[in-house]
Amino acid sequence: MNLYDKKINHFDYDFNNDDGFLPLMKNVIEKYDTIIFATPIYWYSMSGVLKVFFDRLSDLLHV
C-alpha cells in the first residue's frame, strides 16, 4: 500500500485524531501475516510519511 494515498495525521498526545489510521491498521492486522516497509532514505533517515506512520503505531498501545 502507498502511505501517500492514506489520510494519516501526525501523532496527538490526546489521541484525538480523526483520520483513517485505526481502520487501516485493523484491516492490515486482520489480513496480513507479514508486513514489509520500504522507503527512500533521506540523509540516513526514513521518509516523513513513514515516520508519521511509525509514530502513530503507538496509538495501538493506547487503544
C-alpha atoms as a PDB file:
ATOM      1  CA  MET A   1       0.000   0.000   0.000  1.00  0.00           C
ATOM      2  CA  ASN A   2       1.155   3.535  -0.636  1.00  0.00           C
ATOM      3  CA  LEU A   3       1.008   5.678   2.503  1.00  0.00           C
ATOM      4  CA  TYR A   4       0.760   8.802   0.370  1.00  0.00           C
ATOM      5  CA  ASP A   5      -2.723   7.604  -0.623  1.00  0.00           C
ATOM      6  CA  LYS A   6      -3.844   7.335   3.010  1.00  0.00           C
ATOM      7  CA  LYS A   7      -5.004  10.094   5.351  1.00  0.00           C
ATOM      8  CA  ILE A   8      -2.774   9.726   8.416  1.00  0.00           C
ATOM      9  CA  ASN A   9      -2.422  12.714  10.717  1.00  0.00           C
ATOM     10  CA  HIS A  10       0.525  13.364  12.995  1.00  0.00           C
ATOM     11  CA  PHE A  11       0.567  11.865  16.488  1.00  0.00           C
ATOM     12  CA  ASP A  12      -1.714  13.581  19.006  1.00  0.00           C
ATOM     13  CA  TYR A  13      -0.926  13.109  22.703  1.00  0.00           C
ATOM     14  CA  ASP A  14      -4.648  13.359  23.486  1.00  0.00           C
ATOM     15  CA  PHE A  15      -5.430  10.668  20.867  1.00  0.00           C
ATOM     16  CA  ASN A  16      -7.946  12.971  19.142  1.00  0.00           C
ATOM     17  CA  ASN A  17      -7.011  12.045  15.596  1.00  0.00           C
ATOM     18  CA  ASP A  18      -9.924  11.834  13.210  1.00  0.00           C
ATOM     19  CA  ASP A  19      -8.369  10.053  10.270  1.00  0.00           C
ATOM     20  CA  GLY A  20      -8.193   6.634   8.662  1.00  0.00           C
ATOM     21  CA  PHE A  21      -5.262   5.251  10.639  1.00  0.00           C
ATOM     22  CA  LEU A  22      -7.049   2.945  13.094  1.00  0.00           C
ATOM     23  CA  PRO A  23      -9.372   1.396  10.462  1.00  0.00           C
ATOM     24  CA  LEU A  24      -6.343   0.972   8.201  1.00  0.00           C
ATOM     25  CA  MET A  25      -4.400  -0.826  10.923  1.00  0.00           C
ATOM     26  CA  LYS A  26      -7.365  -3.038  11.785  1.00  0.00           C
ATOM     27  CA  ASN A  27      -7.532  -4.082   8.140  1.00  0.00           C
ATOM     28  CA  VAL A  28      -3.774  -4.715   7.938  1.00  0.00           C
ATOM     29  CA  ILE A  29      -3.690  -6.752  11.167  1.00  0.00           C
ATOM     30  CA  GLU A  30      -6.626  -8.923  10.077  1.00  0.00           C
ATOM     31  CA  LYS A  31      -5.417  -9.551   6.510  1.00  0.00           C
ATOM     32  CA  TYR A  32      -1.627  -9.896   6.625  1.00  0.00           C
ATOM     33  CA  ASP A  33       0.861 -12.080   8.486  1.00  0.00           C
ATOM     34  CA  THR A  34       3.924 -10.234   7.209  1.00  0.00           C
ATOM     35  CA  ILE A  35       4.470  -6.517   6.657  1.00  0.00           C
ATOM     36  CA  ILE A  36       7.451  -5.164   4.706  1.00  0.00           C
ATOM     37  CA  PHE A  37       8.284  -1.477   4.987  1.00  0.00           C
ATOM     38  CA  ALA A  38      10.105   0.241   2.134  1.00  0.00           C
ATOM     39  CA  THR A  39      11.014   3.908   1.846  1.00  0.00           C
ATOM     40  CA  PRO A  40      13.583   6.126   0.214  1.00  0.00           C
ATOM     41  CA  ILE A  41      16.381   7.149   2.562  1.00  0.00           C
ATOM     42  CA  TYR A  42      16.894  10.877   3.098  1.00  0.00           C
ATOM     43  CA  TRP A  43      20.092  11.858   4.896  1.00  0.00           C
ATOM     44  CA  TYR A  44      20.228   8.491   6.703  1.00  0.00           C
ATOM     45  CA  SER A  45      16.615   8.730   7.821  1.00  0.00           C
ATOM     46  CA  MET A  46      13.278   7.381   6.629  1.00  0.00           C
ATOM     47  CA  SER A  47      10.764   9.486   4.719  1.00  0.00           C
ATOM     48  CA  GLY A  48       8.478  11.770   6.696  1.00  0.00           C
ATOM     49  CA  VAL A  49       5.377   9.816   5.721  1.00  0.00           C
ATOM     50  CA  LEU A  50       6.771   6.561   7.119  1.00  0.00           C
ATOM     51  CA  LYS A  51       7.983   8.377  10.259  1.00  0.00           C
ATOM     52  CA  VAL A  52       4.443   9.668  10.885  1.00  0.00           C
ATOM     53  CA  PHE A  53       3.126   6.127  10.323  1.00  0.00           C
ATOM     54  CA  PHE A  54       5.569   4.682  12.873  1.00  0.00           C
ATOM     55  CA  ASP A  55       4.749   7.450  15.349  1.00  0.00           C
ATOM     56  CA  ARG A  56       1.086   6.600  15.055  1.00  0.00           C
ATOM     57  CA  LEU A  57       1.734   2.916  15.801  1.00  0.00           C
ATOM     58  CA  SER A  58       1.922   3.958  19.454  1.00  0.00           C
ATOM     59  CA  ASP A  59      -1.822   4.737  19.181  1.00  0.00           C
ATOM     60  CA  LEU A  60      -2.324   0.984  19.085  1.00  0.00           C
ATOM     61  CA  LEU A  61      -0.763   0.697  22.535  1.00  0.00           C
ATOM     62  CA  HIS A  62      -3.374   3.098  23.876  1.00  0.00           C
ATOM     63  CA  VAL A  63      -6.348   1.554  22.087  1.00  0.00           C
END
